[in-house]
């Protein structure tokens, strides 16, 4: 027996995966917003130019890489580092999430 799962939203690990999900949804006759909401992670500029434009999380990769490099250097030099680091991000609310059917993104 094949179990059918019909999610109302798909949260993708990257914007590129989201673009693939958008294509697959279209090829299978699903309408984004009416049938399915899609989000990504990355905040790539191309996500603004899809239709509908992709709701995504903009993560500051360069800052994260620089911070990681500094912490690795500190560890190598036997310096104390914080056990937990919090990085900033930005939610880019666009058109690929039906806000009427889902909780508001915070």
PDB file of N, CA and C in Angstrom:
ATOM      1  N   UNK A   1       0.837  -1.179   0.000  1.00  0.00           N
ATOM      2  CA  UNK A   1       0.000   0.000   0.000  1.00  0.00           C
ATOM      3  C   UNK A   1       0.884   1.244   0.000  1.00  0.00           C
ATOM      4  N   UNK A   2       0.645   2.139  -0.925  1.00  0.00           N
ATOM      5  CA  UNK A   2       1.403   3.385  -1.013  1.00  0.00           C
ATOM      6  C   UNK A   2       0.661   4.464  -0.232  1.00  0.00           C
ATOM      7  N   UNK A   3       1.384   5.091   0.687  1.00  0.00           N
ATOM      8  CA  UNK A   3       0.793   6.159   1.474  1.00  0.00           C
ATOM      9  C   UNK A   3       1.004   7.487   0.750  1.00  0.00           C
ATOM     10  N   UNK A   4      -0.053   8.258   0.599  1.00  0.00           N
ATOM     11  CA  UNK A   4       0.028   9.543  -0.075  1.00  0.00           C
ATOM     12  C   UNK A   4       0.107  10.641   0.980  1.00  0.00           C
ATOM     13  N   UNK A   5       1.059  11.532   0.793  1.00  0.00           N
ATOM     14  CA  UNK A   5       1.245  12.648   1.711  1.00  0.00           C
ATOM     15  C   UNK A   5       1.114  13.930   0.919  1.00  0.00           C
ATOM     16  N   UNK A   6       0.234  14.795   1.352  1.00  0.00           N
ATOM     17  CA  UNK A   6      -0.006  16.067   0.663  1.00  0.00           C
ATOM     18  C   UNK A   6       0.323  17.228   1.592  1.00  0.00           C
ATOM     19  N   UNK A   7       1.602  17.622   1.651  1.00  0.00           N
ATOM     20  CA  UNK A   7       1.961  18.731   2.541  1.00  0.00           C
ATOM     21  C   UNK A   7       1.392  20.047   2.022  1.00  0.00           C
ATOM     22  N   UNK A   8       1.178  20.975   2.938  1.00  0.00           N
ATOM     23  CA  UNK A   8       0.728  22.306   2.514  1.00  0.00           C
ATOM     24  C   UNK A   8       1.913  23.246   2.343  1.00  0.00           C
ATOM     25  N   UNK A   9       3.071  22.881   2.923  1.00  0.00           N
ATOM     26  CA  UNK A   9       4.281  23.702   2.785  1.00  0.00           C
ATOM     27  C   UNK A   9       5.499  22.788   2.756  1.00  0.00           C
ATOM     28  N   UNK A  10       6.481  23.177   1.962  1.00  0.00           N
ATOM     29  CA  UNK A  10       7.765  22.478   1.926  1.00  0.00           C
ATOM     30  C   UNK A  10       8.849  23.502   2.235  1.00  0.00           C
ATOM     31  N   UNK A  11       9.633  23.221   3.277  1.00  0.00           N
ATOM     32  CA  UNK A  11      10.737  24.082   3.676  1.00  0.00           C
ATOM     33  C   UNK A  11      12.018  23.417   3.191  1.00  0.00           C
ATOM     34  N   UNK A  12      12.719  24.064   2.276  1.00  0.00           N
ATOM     35  CA  UNK A  12      13.899  23.476   1.646  1.00  0.00           C
ATOM     36  C   UNK A  12      15.188  23.971   2.299  1.00  0.00           C
ATOM     37  N   UNK A  13      16.210  23.125   2.289  1.00  0.00           N
ATOM     38  CA  UNK A  13      17.493  23.455   2.917  1.00  0.00           C
ATOM     39  C   UNK A  13      18.228  24.565   2.179  1.00  0.00           C
ATOM     40  N   UNK A  14      17.992  24.718   0.883  1.00  0.00           N
ATOM     41  CA  UNK A  14      18.639  25.772   0.104  1.00  0.00           C
ATOM     42  C   UNK A  14      17.637  26.362  -0.892  1.00  0.00           C
ATOM     43  N   UNK A  15      17.947  27.549  -1.382  1.00  0.00           N
ATOM     44  CA  UNK A  15      17.115  28.148  -2.424  1.00  0.00           C
ATOM     45  C   UNK A  15      17.159  27.312  -3.701  1.00  0.00           C
ATOM     46  N   UNK A  16      18.303  26.723  -3.996  1.00  0.00           N
ATOM     47  CA  UNK A  16      18.400  25.895  -5.204  1.00  0.00           C
ATOM     48  C   UNK A  16      17.465  24.700  -5.138  1.00  0.00           C
ATOM     49  N   UNK A  17      17.372  24.061  -3.975  1.00  0.00           N
ATOM     50  CA  UNK A  17      16.428  22.957  -3.815  1.00  0.00           C
ATOM     51  C   UNK A  17      15.008  23.478  -3.990  1.00  0.00           C
ATOM     52  N   UNK A  18      14.724  24.657  -3.456  1.00  0.00           N
ATOM     53  CA  UNK A  18      13.398  25.253  -3.591  1.00  0.00           C
ATOM     54  C   UNK A  18      13.026  25.446  -5.054  1.00  0.00           C
ATOM     55  N   UNK A  19      13.996  25.873  -5.860  1.00  0.00           N
ATOM     56  CA  UNK A  19      13.733  26.060  -7.291  1.00  0.00           C
ATOM     57  C   UNK A  19      13.367  24.733  -7.942  1.00  0.00           C
ATOM     58  N   UNK A  20      14.055  23.660  -7.546  1.00  0.00           N
ATOM     59  CA  UNK A  20      13.722  22.329  -8.054  1.00  0.00           C
ATOM     60  C   UNK A  20      12.333  21.881  -7.615  1.00  0.00           C
ATOM     61  N   UNK A  21      11.977  22.175  -6.376  1.00  0.00           N
ATOM     62  CA  UNK A  21      10.648  21.831  -5.871  1.00  0.00           C
ATOM     63  C   UNK A  21       9.579  22.620  -6.625  1.00  0.00           C
ATOM     64  N   UNK A  22       9.856  23.895  -6.902  1.00  0.00           N
ATOM     65  CA  UNK A  22       8.908  24.708  -7.668  1.00  0.00           C
ATOM     66  C   UNK A  22       8.691  24.126  -9.060  1.00  0.00           C
ATOM     67  N   UNK A  23       9.779  23.682  -9.687  1.00  0.00           N
ATOM     68  CA  UNK A  23       9.673  23.080 -11.023  1.00  0.00           C
ATOM     69  C   UNK A  23       8.878  21.782 -10.955  1.00  0.00           C
ATOM     70  N   UNK A  24       9.189  20.926  -9.968  1.00  0.00           N
ATOM     71  CA  UNK A  24       8.485  19.653  -9.831  1.00  0.00           C
ATOM     72  C   UNK A  24       6.999  19.879  -9.554  1.00  0.00           C
ATOM     73  N   UNK A  25       6.685  20.875  -8.719  1.00  0.00           N
ATOM     74  CA  UNK A  25       5.284  21.192  -8.433  1.00  0.00           C
ATOM     75  C   UNK A  25       4.564  21.575  -9.722  1.00  0.00           C
ATOM     76  N   UNK A  26       5.189  22.449 -10.504  1.00  0.00           N
ATOM     77  CA  UNK A  26       4.598  22.882 -11.776  1.00  0.00           C
ATOM     78  C   UNK A  26       4.387  21.693 -12.712  1.00  0.00           C
ATOM     79  N   UNK A  27       5.402  20.839 -12.824  1.00  0.00           N
ATOM     80  CA  UNK A  27       5.307  19.676 -13.720  1.00  0.00           C
ATOM     81  C   UNK A  27       4.221  18.692 -13.288  1.00  0.00           C
ATOM     82  N   UNK A  28       3.860  18.717 -12.005  1.00  0.00           N
ATOM     83  CA  UNK A  28       2.839  17.807 -11.490  1.00  0.00           C
ATOM     84  C   UNK A  28       1.483  18.489 -11.306  1.00  0.00           C
ATOM     85  N   UNK A  29       1.352  19.671 -11.889  1.00  0.00           N
ATOM     86  CA  UNK A  29       0.069  20.359 -11.892  1.00  0.00           C
ATOM     87  C   UNK A  29      -0.309  21.009 -10.570  1.00  0.00           C
ATOM     88  N   UNK A  30       0.658  21.179  -9.674  1.00  0.00           N
ATOM     89  CA  UNK A  30       0.384  21.851  -8.407  1.00  0.00           C
ATOM     90  C   UNK A  30       0.592  23.352  -8.569  1.00  0.00           C
ATOM     91  N   UNK A  31      -0.280  24.115  -7.979  1.00  0.00           N
ATOM     92  CA  UNK A  31      -0.181  25.566  -8.033  1.00  0.00           C
ATOM     93  C   UNK A  31       0.430  26.068  -6.727  1.00  0.00           C
ATOM     94  N   UNK A  32       1.507  26.835  -6.852  1.00  0.00           N
ATOM     95  CA  UNK A  32       2.139  27.396  -5.673  1.00  0.00           C
ATOM     96  C   UNK A  32       1.213  28.492  -5.146  1.00  0.00           C
ATOM     97  N   UNK A  33       0.969  28.465  -3.904  1.00  0.00           N
ATOM     98  CA  UNK A  33       0.047  29.259  -3.092  1.00  0.00           C
ATOM     99  C   UNK A  33      -1.282  28.526  -2.945  1.00  0.00           C
ATOM    100  N   UNK A  34      -1.945  28.202  -4.038  1.00  0.00           N
ATOM    101  CA  UNK A  34      -3.242  27.540  -3.935  1.00  0.00           C
ATOM    102  C   UNK A  34      -3.108  26.125  -3.371  1.00  0.00           C
ATOM    103  N   UNK A  35      -2.106  25.373  -3.821  1.00  0.00           N
ATOM    104  CA  UNK A  35      -1.932  23.979  -3.409  1.00  0.00           C
ATOM    105  C   UNK A  35      -0.748  23.767  -2.470  1.00  0.00           C
ATOM    106  N   UNK A  36       0.263  24.605  -2.585  1.00  0.00           N
ATOM    107  CA  UNK A  36       1.519  24.349  -1.894  1.00  0.00           C
ATOM    108  C   UNK A  36       2.293  25.648  -1.694  1.00  0.00           C
ATOM    109  N   UNK A  37       2.846  25.812  -0.496  1.00  0.00           N
ATOM    110  CA  UNK A  37       3.767  26.920  -0.227  1.00  0.00           C
ATOM    111  C   UNK A  37       5.172  26.353  -0.190  1.00  0.00           C
ATOM    112  N   UNK A  38       6.161  27.146  -0.603  1.00  0.00           N
ATOM    113  CA  UNK A  38       7.548  26.692  -0.658  1.00  0.00           C
ATOM    114  C   UNK A  38       8.450  27.780  -0.089  1.00  0.00           C
ATOM    115  N   UNK A  39       9.407  27.375   0.743  1.00  0.00           N
ATOM    116  CA  UNK A  39      10.391  28.319   1.272  1.00  0.00           C
ATOM    117  C   UNK A  39      11.789  27.763   1.053  1.00  0.00           C
ATOM    118  N   UNK A  40      12.760  28.663   1.079  1.00  0.00           N
ATOM    119  CA  UNK A  40      14.150  28.265   0.905  1.00  0.00           C
ATOM    120  C   UNK A  40      15.032  28.818   2.003  1.00  0.00           C
ATOM    121  N   UNK A  41      16.306  28.599   1.832  1.00  0.00           N
ATOM    122  CA  UNK A  41      17.303  29.067   2.789  1.00  0.00           C
ATOM    123  C   UNK A  41      18.524  29.492   2.000  1.00  0.00           C
ATOM    124  N   UNK A  42      18.932  30.706   2.161  1.00  0.00           N
ATOM    125  CA  UNK A  42      20.105  31.198   1.457  1.00  0.00           C
ATOM    126  C   UNK A  42      19.989  32.663   1.059  1.00  0.00           C
ATOM    127  N   UNK A  43      18.804  33.048   0.613  1.00  0.00           N
ATOM    128  CA  UNK A  43      18.617  34.432   0.205  1.00  0.00           C
ATOM    129  C   UNK A  43      19.341  34.785  -1.076  1.00  0.00           C
ATOM    130  N   UNK A  44      19.514  33.812  -1.980  1.00  0.00           N
ATOM    131  CA  UNK A  44      20.192  34.076  -3.255  1.00  0.00           C
ATOM    132  C   UNK A  44      19.378  35.079  -4.069  1.00  0.00           C
ATOM    133  N   UNK A  45      20.043  35.919  -4.817  1.00  0.00           N
ATOM    134  CA  UNK A  45      19.343  36.961  -5.571  1.00  0.00           C
ATOM    135  C   UNK A  45      18.373  36.375  -6.600  1.00  0.00           C
ATOM    136  N   UNK A  46      18.664  35.213  -7.154  1.00  0.00           N
ATOM    137  CA  UNK A  46      17.791  34.621  -8.160  1.00  0.00           C
ATOM    138  C   UNK A  46      16.413  34.303  -7.586  1.00  0.00           C
ATOM    139  N   UNK A  47      16.319  34.100  -6.265  1.00  0.00           N
ATOM    140  CA  UNK A  47      15.032  33.739  -5.664  1.00  0.00           C
ATOM    141  C   UNK A  47      14.016  34.874  -5.744  1.00  0.00           C
ATOM    142  N   UNK A  48      14.488  36.082  -5.969  1.00  0.00           N
ATOM    143  CA  UNK A  48      13.586  37.223  -6.108  1.00  0.00           C
ATOM    144  C   UNK A  48      12.918  37.250  -7.486  1.00  0.00           C
ATOM    145  N   UNK A  49      13.530  36.597  -8.466  1.00  0.00           N
ATOM    146  CA  UNK A  49      13.068  36.707  -9.848  1.00  0.00           C
ATOM    147  C   UNK A  49      12.282  35.503 -10.335  1.00  0.00           C
ATOM    148  N   UNK A  50      12.008  34.540  -9.450  1.00  0.00           N
ATOM    149  CA  UNK A  50      11.161  33.416  -9.832  1.00  0.00           C
ATOM    150  C   UNK A  50       9.708  33.867  -9.757  1.00  0.00           C
ATOM    151  N   UNK A  51       8.830  33.053 -10.311  1.00  0.00           N
ATOM    152  CA  UNK A  51       7.411  33.351 -10.145  1.00  0.00           C
ATOM    153  C   UNK A  51       6.707  32.145  -9.570  1.00  0.00           C
ATOM    154  N   UNK A  52       6.107  32.281  -8.423  1.00  0.00           N
ATOM    155  CA  UNK A  52       6.161  33.458  -7.561  1.00  0.00           C
ATOM    156  C   UNK A  52       7.545  33.605  -6.933  1.00  0.00           C
ATOM    157  N   UNK A  53       7.863  34.817  -6.510  1.00  0.00           N
ATOM    158  CA  UNK A  53       9.172  35.035  -5.884  1.00  0.00           C
ATOM    159  C   UNK A  53       9.234  34.210  -4.594  1.00  0.00           C
ATOM    160  N   UNK A  54      10.428  33.726  -4.273  1.00  0.00           N
ATOM    161  CA  UNK A  54      10.616  32.750  -3.205  1.00  0.00           C
ATOM    162  C   UNK A  54      10.802  33.407  -1.839  1.00  0.00           C
ATOM    163  N   UNK A  55       9.990  33.000  -0.880  1.00  0.00           N
ATOM    164  CA  UNK A  55      10.206  33.382   0.514  1.00  0.00           C
ATOM    165  C   UNK A  55      11.404  32.584   0.998  1.00  0.00           C
ATOM    166  N   UNK A  56      12.392  33.273   1.594  1.00  0.00           N
ATOM    167  CA  UNK A  56      13.638  32.603   1.941  1.00  0.00           C
ATOM    168  C   UNK A  56      14.276  33.240   3.169  1.00  0.00           C
ATOM    169  N   UNK A  57      15.232  32.542   3.727  1.00  0.00           N
ATOM    170  CA  UNK A  57      16.015  33.063   4.849  1.00  0.00           C
ATOM    171  C   UNK A  57      17.378  33.466   4.296  1.00  0.00           C
ATOM    172  N   UNK A  58      17.712  34.737   4.441  1.00  0.00           N
ATOM    173  CA  UNK A  58      19.015  35.234   3.996  1.00  0.00           C
ATOM    174  C   UNK A  58      20.003  35.037   5.134  1.00  0.00           C
ATOM    175  N   UNK A  59      20.968  34.194   4.883  1.00  0.00           N
ATOM    176  CA  UNK A  59      21.997  33.864   5.871  1.00  0.00           C
ATOM    177  C   UNK A  59      23.298  34.503   5.421  1.00  0.00           C
ATOM    178  N   UNK A  60      24.009  35.097   6.338  1.00  0.00           N
ATOM    179  CA  UNK A  60      25.226  35.826   6.006  1.00  0.00           C
ATOM    180  C   UNK A  60      26.429  34.867   6.049  1.00  0.00           C
ATOM    181  N   UNK A  61      26.632  34.161   4.938  1.00  0.00           N
ATOM    182  CA  UNK A  61      27.656  33.121   4.853  1.00  0.00           C
ATOM    183  C   UNK A  61      29.067  33.649   5.075  1.00  0.00           C
ATOM    184  N   UNK A  62      29.366  34.807   4.491  1.00  0.00           N
ATOM    185  CA  UNK A  62      30.719  35.358   4.609  1.00  0.00           C
ATOM    186  C   UNK A  62      31.036  35.651   6.075  1.00  0.00           C
ATOM    187  N   UNK A  63      30.113  36.300   6.765  1.00  0.00           N
ATOM    188  CA  UNK A  63      30.317  36.598   8.175  1.00  0.00           C
ATOM    189  C   UNK A  63      30.464  35.304   8.982  1.00  0.00           C
ATOM    190  N   UNK A  64      29.657  34.302   8.678  1.00  0.00           N
ATOM    191  CA  UNK A  64      29.735  33.022   9.393  1.00  0.00           C
ATOM    192  C   UNK A  64      31.083  32.353   9.150  1.00  0.00           C
ATOM    193  N   UNK A  65      31.568  32.396   7.922  1.00  0.00           N
ATOM    194  CA  UNK A  65      32.868  31.799   7.599  1.00  0.00           C
ATOM    195  C   UNK A  65      34.013  32.505   8.304  1.00  0.00           C
ATOM    196  N   UNK A  66      33.950  33.834   8.305  1.00  0.00           N
ATOM    197  CA  UNK A  66      35.000  34.597   8.987  1.00  0.00           C
ATOM    198  C   UNK A  66      35.009  34.313  10.484  1.00  0.00           C
ATOM    199  N   UNK A  67      33.819  34.234  11.074  1.00  0.00           N
ATOM    200  CA  UNK A  67      33.726  33.950  12.502  1.00  0.00           C
ATOM    201  C   UNK A  67      34.241  32.541  12.805  1.00  0.00           C
ATOM    202  N   UNK A  68      33.884  31.580  11.969  1.00  0.00           N
ATOM    203  CA  UNK A  68      34.358  30.209  12.167  1.00  0.00           C
ATOM    204  C   UNK A  68      35.880  30.140  12.065  1.00  0.00           C
ATOM    205  N   UNK A  69      36.447  30.842  11.091  1.00  0.00           N
ATOM    206  CA  UNK A  69      37.904  30.841  10.924  1.00  0.00           C
ATOM    207  C   UNK A  69      38.591  31.434  12.156  1.00  0.00           C
ATOM    208  N   UNK A  70      38.041  32.533  12.678  1.00  0.00           N
ATOM    209  CA  UNK A  70      38.610  33.135  13.892  1.00  0.00           C
ATOM    210  C   UNK A  70      38.548  32.165  15.066  1.00  0.00           C
ATOM    211  N   UNK A  71      37.426  31.477  15.215  1.00  0.00           N
ATOM    212  CA  UNK A  71      37.276  30.539  16.331  1.00  0.00           C
ATOM    213  C   UNK A  71      38.211  29.340  16.191  1.00  0.00           C
ATOM    214  N   UNK A  72      38.370  28.843  14.980  1.00  0.00           N
ATOM    215  CA  UNK A  72      39.314  27.738  14.757  1.00  0.00           C
ATOM    216  C   UNK A  72      40.726  28.194  15.089  1.00  0.00           C
ATOM    217  N   UNK A  73      41.084  29.397  14.659  1.00  0.00           N
ATOM    218  CA  UNK A  73      42.406  29.949  14.961  1.00  0.00           C
ATOM    219  C   UNK A  73      42.607  30.079  16.477  1.00  0.00           C
ATOM    220  N   UNK A  74      41.571  30.560  17.172  1.00  0.00           N
ATOM    221  CA  UNK A  74      41.654  30.670  18.634  1.00  0.00           C
ATOM    222  C   UNK A  74      41.835  29.298  19.277  1.00  0.00           C
ATOM    223  N   UNK A  75      41.113  28.296  18.782  1.00  0.00           N
ATOM    224  CA  UNK A  75      41.257  26.940  19.333  1.00  0.00           C
ATOM    225  C   UNK A  75      42.665  26.401  19.114  1.00  0.00           C
ATOM    226  N   UNK A  76      43.207  26.622  17.920  1.00  0.00           N
ATOM    227  CA  UNK A  76      44.570  26.171  17.609  1.00  0.00           C
ATOM    228  C   UNK A  76      45.560  26.827  18.551  1.00  0.00           C
ATOM    229  N   UNK A  77      45.312  28.097  18.866  1.00  0.00           N
ATOM    230  CA  UNK A  77      46.204  28.846  19.755  1.00  0.00           C
ATOM    231  C   UNK A  77      45.825  28.696  21.234  1.00  0.00           C
ATOM    232  N   UNK A  78      44.990  27.692  21.526  1.00  0.00           N
ATOM    233  CA  UNK A  78      44.601  27.347  22.900  1.00  0.00           C
ATOM    234  C   UNK A  78      43.934  28.489  23.654  1.00  0.00           C
ATOM    235  N   UNK A  79      43.189  29.321  22.926  1.00  0.00           N
ATOM    236  CA  UNK A  79      42.418  30.393  23.557  1.00  0.00           C
ATOM    237  C   UNK A  79      41.014  29.881  23.855  1.00  0.00           C
ATOM    238  N   UNK A  80      40.394  30.471  24.870  1.00  0.00           N
ATOM    239  CA  UNK A  80      39.013  30.127  25.196  1.00  0.00           C
ATOM    240  C   UNK A  80      38.078  30.731  24.146  1.00  0.00           C
ATOM    241  N   UNK A  81      37.027  29.969  23.814  1.00  0.00           N
ATOM    242  CA  UNK A  81      35.997  30.480  22.911  1.00  0.00           C
ATOM    243  C   UNK A  81      34.633  30.238  23.546  1.00  0.00           C
ATOM    244  N   UNK A  82      33.651  30.999  23.097  1.00  0.00           N
ATOM    245  CA  UNK A  82      32.281  30.803  23.572  1.00  0.00           C
ATOM    246  C   UNK A  82      31.773  29.452  23.096  1.00  0.00           C
ATOM    247  N   UNK A  83      30.981  28.794  23.938  1.00  0.00           N
ATOM    248  CA  UNK A  83      30.437  27.487  23.578  1.00  0.00           C
ATOM    249  C   UNK A  83      29.289  27.603  22.565  1.00  0.00           C
ATOM    250  N   UNK A  84      28.655  28.757  22.528  1.00  0.00           N
ATOM    251  CA  UNK A  84      27.521  28.942  21.626  1.00  0.00           C
ATOM    252  C   UNK A  84      27.661  30.290  20.924  1.00  0.00           C
ATOM    253  N   UNK A  85      27.460  30.286  19.625  1.00  0.00           N
ATOM    254  CA  UNK A  85      27.532  31.511  18.847  1.00  0.00           C
ATOM    255  C   UNK A  85      26.213  31.697  18.115  1.00  0.00           C
ATOM    256  N   UNK A  86      25.680  32.897  18.156  1.00  0.00           N
ATOM    257  CA  UNK A  86      24.442  33.211  17.455  1.00  0.00           C
ATOM    258  C   UNK A  86      24.759  34.140  16.296  1.00  0.00           C
ATOM    259  N   UNK A  87      24.262  33.780  15.123  1.00  0.00           N
ATOM    260  CA  UNK A  87      24.476  34.594  13.933  1.00  0.00           C
ATOM    261  C   UNK A  87      23.173  35.242  13.510  1.00  0.00           C
ATOM    262  N   UNK A  88      23.274  36.341  12.818  1.00  0.00           N
ATOM    263  CA  UNK A  88      22.080  37.036  12.353  1.00  0.00           C
ATOM    264  C   UNK A  88      21.593  36.434  11.036  1.00  0.00           C
ATOM    265  N   UNK A  89      20.318  36.623  10.786  1.00  0.00           N
ATOM    266  CA  UNK A  89      19.703  36.207   9.536  1.00  0.00           C
ATOM    267  C   UNK A  89      18.542  37.141   9.266  1.00  0.00           C
ATOM    268  N   UNK A  90      17.983  37.030   8.078  1.00  0.00           N
ATOM    269  CA  UNK A  90      16.865  37.890   7.702  1.00  0.00           C
ATOM    270  C   UNK A  90      15.857  37.050   6.936  1.00  0.00           C
ATOM    271  N   UNK A  91      14.602  37.121   7.321  1.00  0.00           N
ATOM    272  CA  UNK A  91      13.551  36.429   6.570  1.00  0.00           C
ATOM    273  C   UNK A  91      13.053  37.364   5.483  1.00  0.00           C
ATOM    274  N   UNK A  92      13.180  36.917   4.243  1.00  0.00           N
ATOM    275  CA  UNK A  92      12.715  37.699   3.098  1.00  0.00           C
ATOM    276  C   UNK A  92      11.328  37.181   2.725  1.00  0.00           C
ATOM    277  N   UNK A  93      10.298  37.872   3.179  1.00  0.00           N
ATOM    278  CA  UNK A  93       8.918  37.457   2.938  1.00  0.00           C
ATOM    279  C   UNK A  93       8.533  37.857   1.524  1.00  0.00           C
ATOM    280  N   UNK A  94       8.294  36.844   0.712  1.00  0.00           N
ATOM    281  CA  UNK A  94       7.931  37.107  -0.681  1.00  0.00           C
ATOM    282  C   UNK A  94       6.614  36.424  -1.005  1.00  0.00           C
ATOM    283  N   UNK A  95       6.478  35.901  -2.207  1.00  0.00           N
ATOM    284  CA  UNK A  95       5.175  35.443  -2.688  1.00  0.00           C
ATOM    285  C   UNK A  95       4.922  33.936  -2.605  1.00  0.00           C
ATOM    286  N   UNK A  96       5.905  33.125  -2.261  1.00  0.00           N
ATOM    287  CA  UNK A  96       5.731  31.677  -2.370  1.00  0.00           C
ATOM    288  C   UNK A  96       5.081  31.022  -1.157  1.00  0.00           C
ATOM    289  N   UNK A  97       4.679  31.814  -0.174  1.00  0.00           N
ATOM    290  CA  UNK A  97       3.994  31.288   1.003  1.00  0.00           C
ATOM    291  C   UNK A  97       2.626  31.945   1.102  1.00  0.00           C
ATOM    292  N   UNK A  98       1.596  31.123   1.193  1.00  0.00           N
ATOM    293  CA  UNK A  98       0.232  31.611   1.351  1.00  0.00           C
ATOM    294  C   UNK A  98       0.024  31.948   2.816  1.00  0.00           C
ATOM    295  N   UNK A  99       0.049  33.208   3.131  1.00  0.00           N
ATOM    296  CA  UNK A  99      -0.026  33.657   4.521  1.00  0.00           C
ATOM    297  C   UNK A  99      -1.394  33.404   5.146  1.00  0.00           C
ATOM    298  N   UNK A 100      -2.405  33.167   4.333  1.00  0.00           N
ATOM    299  CA  UNK A 100      -3.737  32.900   4.874  1.00  0.00           C
ATOM    300  C   UNK A 100      -3.842  31.476   5.420  1.00  0.00           C
ATOM    301  N   UNK A 101      -3.085  30.552   4.853  1.00  0.00           N
ATOM    302  CA  UNK A 101      -3.194  29.141   5.237  1.00  0.00           C
ATOM    303  C   UNK A 101      -2.175  28.739   6.297  1.00  0.00           C
ATOM    304  N   UNK A 102      -1.192  29.569   6.577  1.00  0.00           N
ATOM    305  CA  UNK A 102      -0.109  29.201   7.477  1.00  0.00           C
ATOM    306  C   UNK A 102       0.090  30.277   8.539  1.00  0.00           C
ATOM    307  N   UNK A 103       0.708  29.886   9.645  1.00  0.00           N
ATOM    308  CA  UNK A 103       1.072  30.874  10.648  1.00  0.00           C
ATOM    309  C   UNK A 103       2.017  31.896  10.041  1.00  0.00           C
ATOM    310  N   UNK A 104       1.951  33.104  10.482  1.00  0.00           N
ATOM    311  CA  UNK A 104       2.850  34.149  10.005  1.00  0.00           C
ATOM    312  C   UNK A 104       4.294  33.797  10.354  1.00  0.00           C
ATOM    313  N   UNK A 105       5.208  34.049   9.443  1.00  0.00           N
ATOM    314  CA  UNK A 105       6.634  33.902   9.740  1.00  0.00           C
ATOM    315  C   UNK A 105       7.032  35.025  10.682  1.00  0.00           C
ATOM    316  N   UNK A 106       7.828  34.703  11.673  1.00  0.00           N
ATOM    317  CA  UNK A 106       8.219  35.722  12.641  1.00  0.00           C
ATOM    318  C   UNK A 106       9.637  36.154  12.417  1.00  0.00           C
TER     319      UNK A 106
END
